[in-house]
Amino acid sequence: MIITQLHTGPVFDIYGLVVDEICLVREYIDSLDEEEQERVYALINHILEHGPPRNKRKFRHIGNQIYELKTQVSHP
């Protein structure tokens, strides 16, 4: 498994999975419209500054120090 560091913060760092030389997290975020990207980056910045949210609707530990960010973005 290949990972790349996406963001570094005082409390938490965020990494993304790389498959076939493509960072899946970056590709997903880039596919969102500007408003949706702002919501995702707001959540990421919160995590970098304060650590993971306790709200399991937004953040969930799935094992081996791997976490899932959950956002409510609308797709057509």
Protein backbone atom coordinates (compact mmCIF):
# COMPACT_ATOMS: atom_id res chain seq x y z
CA MET A 1 0.00 0.00 0.00
CA ILE A 2 1.34 3.41 -0.97
CA ILE A 3 0.28 6.53 0.90
CA THR A 4 1.18 10.18 0.53
CA GLN A 5 1.05 12.94 3.10
CA LEU A 6 -1.64 15.46 2.16
CA HIS A 7 -1.68 17.89 5.09
CA THR A 8 0.28 18.39 8.30
CA GLY A 9 -1.16 20.00 11.39
CA PRO A 10 -0.18 20.60 14.99
CA VAL A 11 -2.35 17.74 16.25
CA PHE A 12 -2.98 15.41 13.31
CA ASP A 13 -1.56 14.65 9.86
CA ILE A 14 -3.65 13.49 6.91
CA TYR A 15 -2.51 10.96 4.33
CA GLY A 16 -4.15 9.63 1.19
CA LEU A 17 -4.04 6.27 -0.56
CA VAL A 18 -2.18 6.18 -3.88
CA VAL A 19 -3.25 3.68 -6.54
CA ASP A 20 -1.59 3.58 -9.96
CA GLU A 21 0.26 6.80 -9.06
CA ILE A 22 -3.03 8.63 -8.37
CA CYS A 23 -3.92 9.90 -4.91
CA LEU A 24 -7.55 8.83 -4.56
CA VAL A 25 -8.35 11.46 -1.92
CA ARG A 26 -6.99 14.32 -4.03
CA GLU A 27 -8.79 13.04 -7.10
CA TYR A 28 -12.08 12.82 -5.21
CA ILE A 29 -11.77 16.30 -3.69
CA ASP A 30 -10.79 17.78 -7.06
CA SER A 31 -13.97 16.29 -8.57
CA LEU A 32 -16.19 18.24 -6.14
CA ASP A 33 -17.61 21.67 -6.84
CA GLU A 34 -16.14 24.64 -4.98
CA GLU A 35 -18.74 24.70 -2.19
CA GLU A 36 -18.33 20.99 -1.50
CA GLN A 37 -14.55 21.33 -1.49
CA GLU A 38 -14.83 24.11 1.10
CA ARG A 39 -16.84 21.82 3.41
CA VAL A 40 -14.32 18.99 3.03
CA TYR A 41 -11.37 21.32 3.68
CA ALA A 42 -13.13 22.81 6.71
CA LEU A 43 -13.41 19.30 8.18
CA ILE A 44 -9.78 18.53 7.30
CA ASN A 45 -8.60 21.79 8.91
CA HIS A 46 -10.59 21.01 12.06
CA ILE A 47 -8.89 17.62 12.28
CA LEU A 48 -5.42 19.11 11.72
CA GLU A 49 -5.96 21.69 14.47
CA HIS A 50 -8.04 19.78 17.03
CA GLY A 51 -7.86 16.09 16.20
CA PRO A 52 -10.66 13.89 14.94
CA PRO A 53 -14.30 14.77 15.58
CA ARG A 54 -16.11 12.58 18.05
CA ASN A 55 -19.17 12.58 15.81
CA LYS A 56 -19.19 9.16 14.08
CA ARG A 57 -21.33 10.66 11.35
CA LYS A 58 -18.28 12.66 10.26
CA PHE A 59 -15.29 10.55 11.24
CA ARG A 60 -14.83 6.86 11.89
CA HIS A 61 -11.83 4.71 12.81
CA ILE A 62 -11.84 1.67 10.53
CA GLY A 63 -8.68 0.00 11.88
CA ASN A 64 -4.88 0.06 11.67
CA GLN A 65 -4.76 3.85 12.16
CA ILE A 66 -6.98 4.30 9.09
CA TYR A 67 -9.91 6.69 9.39
CA GLU A 68 -12.85 7.51 7.18
CA LEU A 69 -14.01 11.09 6.69
CA LYS A 70 -17.71 11.37 6.03
CA THR A 71 -19.09 14.43 4.33
CA GLN A 72 -22.50 15.24 3.04
CA VAL A 73 -21.92 16.27 -0.54
CA SER A 74 -24.63 16.20 -3.13
CA HIS A 75 -24.09 14.59 -6.49
CA PRO A 76 -26.45 15.06 -9.45
